N, C-alpha and C. Protein backbone atom coordinates (compact mmCIF):
# COMPACT_ATOMS: atom_id res chain seq x y z
N UNK A 1 -15.37 -8.07 67.29
CA UNK A 1 -13.63 -7.73 66.19
C UNK A 1 -14.39 -8.37 65.13
N UNK A 2 -14.53 -9.63 65.59
CA UNK A 2 -14.68 -11.34 64.44
C UNK A 2 -15.36 -10.16 63.18
N UNK A 3 -16.93 -9.97 63.79
CA UNK A 3 -17.88 -9.56 63.45
C UNK A 3 -17.20 -8.25 61.54
N UNK A 4 -16.82 -7.84 62.75
CA UNK A 4 -16.09 -6.33 62.02
C UNK A 4 -15.16 -7.48 60.21
N UNK A 5 -14.58 -7.63 60.51
CA UNK A 5 -13.41 -9.17 59.92
C UNK A 5 -14.09 -9.17 58.68
N UNK A 6 -15.46 -10.16 59.33
CA UNK A 6 -16.29 -10.65 57.88
C UNK A 6 -17.21 -9.66 57.35
N UNK A 7 -17.49 -8.42 57.80
CA UNK A 7 -18.38 -7.13 57.31
C UNK A 7 -17.09 -6.94 56.14
N UNK A 8 -15.91 -6.75 56.40
CA UNK A 8 -14.86 -6.56 55.64
C UNK A 8 -14.58 -6.95 54.75
N UNK A 9 -14.75 -8.85 54.56
CA UNK A 9 -14.53 -9.38 53.28
C UNK A 9 -15.75 -9.57 52.71
N UNK A 10 -16.65 -9.34 53.49
CA UNK A 10 -17.80 -9.79 52.67
C UNK A 10 -17.79 -8.23 51.55
N UNK A 11 -17.92 -6.19 52.62
CA UNK A 11 -17.57 -5.53 51.16
C UNK A 11 -16.84 -6.25 50.64
N UNK A 12 -15.74 -6.47 50.11
CA UNK A 12 -15.00 -5.79 49.48
C UNK A 12 -15.38 -7.30 48.44
N UNK A 13 -15.21 -8.41 48.77
CA UNK A 13 -15.61 -9.02 47.84
C UNK A 13 -17.21 -8.84 46.88
N UNK A 14 -17.96 -8.34 46.80
CA UNK A 14 -19.23 -8.01 46.90
C UNK A 14 -18.98 -6.19 45.96
N UNK A 15 -17.86 -5.09 47.11
CA UNK A 15 -17.48 -3.86 45.53
C UNK A 15 -16.52 -5.13 44.62
N UNK A 16 -16.18 -6.60 44.64
CA UNK A 16 -14.96 -6.96 43.79
C UNK A 16 -15.75 -6.99 42.15
N UNK A 17 -16.40 -7.61 42.98
CA UNK A 17 -18.21 -9.15 41.82
C UNK A 17 -18.67 -7.29 41.10
N UNK A 18 -19.43 -6.42 41.78
CA UNK A 18 -20.07 -6.18 41.08
C UNK A 18 -19.17 -4.34 41.27
N UNK A 19 -17.85 -4.50 40.65
CA UNK A 19 -17.97 -3.53 40.53
C UNK A 19 -17.78 -3.04 38.85
N UNK A 20 -17.55 -1.77 38.19
CA UNK A 20 -18.51 -2.09 37.26
C UNK A 20 -16.59 -2.19 35.49
N UNK A 21 -15.48 -1.28 36.79
CA UNK A 21 -14.50 -1.17 36.14
C UNK A 21 -14.32 -2.52 36.31
N UNK A 22 -13.81 -3.56 36.77
CA UNK A 22 -13.20 -4.72 37.09
C UNK A 22 -13.82 -5.61 36.15
N UNK A 23 -15.60 -5.69 35.98
CA UNK A 23 -16.50 -6.04 34.60
C UNK A 23 -16.08 -5.82 33.64
N UNK A 24 -15.73 -4.22 33.02
CA UNK A 24 -15.29 -3.57 31.87
C UNK A 24 -13.39 -4.11 32.08
N UNK A 25 -12.65 -4.22 32.48
CA UNK A 25 -11.17 -4.06 32.31
C UNK A 25 -11.84 -5.71 32.12
N UNK A 26 -12.07 -6.92 32.88
CA UNK A 26 -11.93 -8.25 31.87
C UNK A 26 -12.60 -8.79 30.73
N UNK A 27 -12.12 -8.77 29.46
CA UNK A 27 -12.16 -8.84 28.65
C UNK A 27 -12.82 -10.32 28.28
N UNK A 28 -12.35 -11.52 29.23
CA UNK A 28 -13.08 -12.41 29.17
C UNK A 28 -13.78 -12.70 30.30
N UNK A 29 -15.36 -12.41 30.40
CA UNK A 29 -15.63 -11.92 31.62
C UNK A 29 -15.96 -12.56 33.13
N UNK A 30 -16.58 -13.00 33.32
CA UNK A 30 -16.74 -13.54 34.90
C UNK A 30 -17.70 -14.87 34.89
N UNK A 31 -16.66 -15.67 35.59
CA UNK A 31 -17.46 -17.07 35.63
C UNK A 31 -17.83 -16.92 37.35
N UNK A 32 -19.08 -17.43 37.78
CA UNK A 32 -19.37 -17.48 38.70
C UNK A 32 -19.13 -18.27 39.65
N UNK A 33 -17.86 -19.37 38.74
CA UNK A 33 -17.44 -20.71 40.00
C UNK A 33 -15.68 -19.92 39.81
N UNK A 34 -16.24 -20.39 42.17
CA UNK A 34 -14.64 -20.31 42.66
C UNK A 34 -13.52 -21.65 41.88
N UNK A 35 -14.74 -22.39 42.12
CA UNK A 35 -13.19 -23.63 42.57
C UNK A 35 -13.66 -24.70 41.13
N UNK A 36 -13.10 -24.60 40.28
CA UNK A 36 -13.88 -25.26 39.12
C UNK A 36 -12.74 -27.10 39.45
N UNK A 37 -14.11 -27.93 38.47
CA UNK A 37 -14.09 -29.18 39.33
C UNK A 37 -15.19 -29.84 38.11
N UNK A 38 -14.11 -31.18 37.00
CA UNK A 38 -14.94 -31.66 35.74
C UNK A 38 -14.44 -31.46 35.06
N UNK A 39 -15.13 -31.20 33.76
CA UNK A 39 -14.76 -30.06 32.67
C UNK A 39 -14.63 -29.14 32.58
N UNK A 40 -15.89 -29.37 33.41
CA UNK A 40 -14.69 -26.50 34.14
C UNK A 40 -13.54 -26.38 33.66
N UNK A 41 -12.53 -27.40 35.05
CA UNK A 41 -11.66 -27.42 35.36
C UNK A 41 -10.65 -27.49 34.48
N UNK A 42 -10.71 -28.88 33.29
CA UNK A 42 -9.99 -29.83 32.49
C UNK A 42 -9.99 -28.76 31.44
N UNK A 43 -11.47 -27.73 31.31
CA UNK A 43 -11.10 -26.89 29.99
C UNK A 43 -10.43 -25.53 30.17
N UNK A 44 -10.43 -25.39 31.50
CA UNK A 44 -9.86 -24.40 31.75
C UNK A 44 -8.65 -24.14 31.74
N UNK A 45 -8.32 -25.49 32.62
CA UNK A 45 -6.97 -26.69 32.33
C UNK A 45 -5.82 -26.00 30.61
N UNK A 46 -6.62 -26.06 30.36
CA UNK A 46 -6.21 -26.16 28.95
C UNK A 46 -6.33 -24.99 27.94
N UNK A 47 -6.53 -23.75 28.80
CA UNK A 47 -6.92 -22.69 28.06
C UNK A 47 -5.66 -21.61 28.71
N UNK A 48 -4.92 -21.31 27.64
CA UNK A 48 -3.85 -20.00 27.86
C UNK A 48 -4.32 -19.32 28.85
N UNK A 49 -3.84 -18.46 29.64
CA UNK A 49 -4.05 -18.36 31.68
C UNK A 49 -4.92 -16.57 30.56
N UNK A 50 -4.50 -16.18 30.00
CA UNK A 50 -4.72 -14.56 28.98
C UNK A 50 -6.56 -14.86 28.30
N UNK A 51 -7.13 -16.14 27.94
CA UNK A 51 -8.04 -16.38 27.75
C UNK A 51 -8.93 -16.89 28.79
N UNK A 52 -9.08 -17.32 29.52
CA UNK A 52 -9.00 -18.46 30.37
C UNK A 52 -10.57 -16.70 31.39
N UNK A 53 -11.71 -17.30 31.66
CA UNK A 53 -12.59 -16.30 32.43
C UNK A 53 -12.26 -15.91 33.95
N UNK A 54 -12.59 -14.74 34.20
CA UNK A 54 -12.30 -14.37 35.28
C UNK A 54 -13.15 -14.22 36.15
N UNK A 55 -12.63 -15.24 37.84
CA UNK A 55 -13.22 -16.02 38.35
C UNK A 55 -12.75 -15.23 40.17
N UNK A 56 -14.22 -14.80 40.42
CA UNK A 56 -13.67 -14.18 42.06
C UNK A 56 -12.57 -14.85 42.74
N UNK A 57 -11.40 -14.39 43.88
CA UNK A 57 -10.89 -14.13 44.48
C UNK A 57 -9.31 -15.12 43.71
N UNK A 58 -9.58 -15.14 42.80
CA UNK A 58 -8.37 -15.89 41.62
C UNK A 58 -7.72 -14.25 41.05
N UNK A 59 -6.70 -13.89 42.60
CA UNK A 59 -6.64 -12.57 42.15
C UNK A 59 -5.19 -13.10 40.56
N UNK A 60 -4.17 -13.47 40.99
CA UNK A 60 -3.20 -13.70 40.63
C UNK A 60 -3.76 -13.84 38.74
N UNK A 61 -4.63 -14.81 38.46
CA UNK A 61 -4.80 -14.84 36.79
C UNK A 61 -5.71 -13.47 37.07
N UNK A 62 -6.70 -13.11 37.60
CA UNK A 62 -7.37 -12.26 36.78
C UNK A 62 -6.35 -10.96 36.31
N UNK A 63 -5.61 -10.46 37.19
CA UNK A 63 -4.03 -8.99 37.32
C UNK A 63 -3.54 -10.30 36.04
N UNK A 64 -3.36 -11.23 36.24
CA UNK A 64 -2.57 -11.37 34.95
C UNK A 64 -3.51 -11.00 33.23
N UNK A 65 -4.91 -11.20 33.50
CA UNK A 65 -5.47 -10.21 32.76
C UNK A 65 -5.23 -9.94 32.19
N UNK A 66 -5.92 -8.64 33.72
CA UNK A 66 -6.38 -7.41 33.29
C UNK A 66 -4.80 -6.68 32.93
N UNK A 67 -3.83 -6.87 33.18
CA UNK A 67 -2.74 -6.44 32.24
C UNK A 67 -1.98 -6.81 30.90
N UNK A 68 -2.54 -8.07 30.70
CA UNK A 68 -2.97 -7.51 28.99
C UNK A 68 -3.48 -7.94 28.41
N UNK A 69 -5.03 -7.15 29.08
CA UNK A 69 -5.40 -6.62 27.97
C UNK A 69 -5.23 -5.59 28.06
N UNK A 70 -4.93 -4.64 29.35
CA UNK A 70 -5.15 -2.83 28.77
C UNK A 70 -3.24 -2.62 27.90
N UNK A 71 -2.67 -3.71 27.98
CA UNK A 71 -1.43 -3.76 27.58
C UNK A 71 -1.64 -3.65 25.73
N UNK A 72 -2.65 -4.13 25.56
CA UNK A 72 -3.20 -4.91 23.81
C UNK A 72 -3.86 -3.56 23.84
N UNK A 73 -5.58 -3.13 24.93
CA UNK A 73 -5.61 -1.40 24.50
C UNK A 73 -4.60 -0.50 23.99
N UNK A 74 -3.47 -0.40 25.24
CA UNK A 74 -3.12 0.90 24.37
C UNK A 74 -1.52 0.51 23.88
N UNK A 75 -1.30 -0.73 23.60
CA UNK A 75 -0.16 -0.54 21.80
C UNK A 75 -1.09 -0.86 20.75
N UNK A 76 -3.34 -1.09 20.48
CA UNK A 76 -3.79 -0.25 19.88
C UNK A 76 -3.45 0.97 19.38
N UNK A 77 -4.36 1.56 21.10
CA UNK A 77 -4.51 3.21 21.39
C UNK A 77 -3.40 4.16 20.22
N UNK A 78 -1.46 3.44 20.68
CA UNK A 78 -1.09 4.01 19.93
C UNK A 78 -0.31 4.05 18.86
N UNK A 79 -0.98 2.67 18.20
CA UNK A 79 -0.67 2.37 16.73
C UNK A 79 -1.34 3.28 16.30
N UNK A 80 -2.73 3.39 16.89
CA UNK A 80 -4.10 3.53 15.67
C UNK A 80 -2.69 5.65 15.39
N UNK A 81 -3.30 5.65 16.84
CA UNK A 81 -2.61 7.60 16.93
C UNK A 81 -1.91 7.65 16.17
N UNK A 82 -0.80 6.47 15.90
CA UNK A 82 0.39 6.52 15.21
C UNK A 82 0.92 6.76 13.48
N UNK A 83 -0.66 6.29 13.27
CA UNK A 83 -1.45 6.15 11.53
C UNK A 83 -1.40 7.49 11.38
N UNK A 84 -2.46 7.90 12.16
CA UNK A 84 -3.10 8.49 11.84
C UNK A 84 -2.18 10.55 11.61
N UNK A 85 -1.11 10.55 12.76
CA UNK A 85 0.12 11.71 13.11
C UNK A 85 0.91 10.76 11.56
N UNK A 86 0.34 10.13 11.13
CA UNK A 86 1.76 9.60 10.01
C UNK A 86 0.95 10.81 8.50
N UNK A 87 -0.40 9.92 8.81
CA UNK A 87 -0.93 10.91 7.45
C UNK A 87 -1.35 12.55 7.22
N UNK A 88 -1.08 12.91 9.01
CA UNK A 88 -1.13 13.94 9.04
C UNK A 88 0.18 15.37 8.48
N UNK A 89 1.22 13.80 8.72
CA UNK A 89 2.92 14.53 8.27
C UNK A 89 2.94 14.24 6.93
N UNK A 90 2.17 13.61 6.11
CA UNK A 90 1.81 13.70 4.82
C UNK A 90 0.96 14.22 4.43
N UNK A 91 0.25 15.40 4.52
CA UNK A 91 -0.36 16.01 4.37
C UNK A 91 -0.15 17.81 4.10
N UNK A 92 1.07 17.70 4.97
CA UNK A 92 1.58 18.86 5.26
C UNK A 92 2.82 18.86 4.87
């Protein structure tokens, strides 16, 4: 039973780290450090949460960044499509 739980945890972590969707969704990239110490910790704490690097097991921060960049991407796409629609209406 304990071995199955450990295998499940290891598989979940591996899938999270090596999933191409997760890497693409994180515009700031990934940091291999799970626990920040020293200068790295100071740098992270002084950076807005949307601009921090994604880190394994940091579900809240990674989710905030993922939602932020998806919303940013969607608003950019809407703006571009609105502009192209306005141009086509001007021609017609």
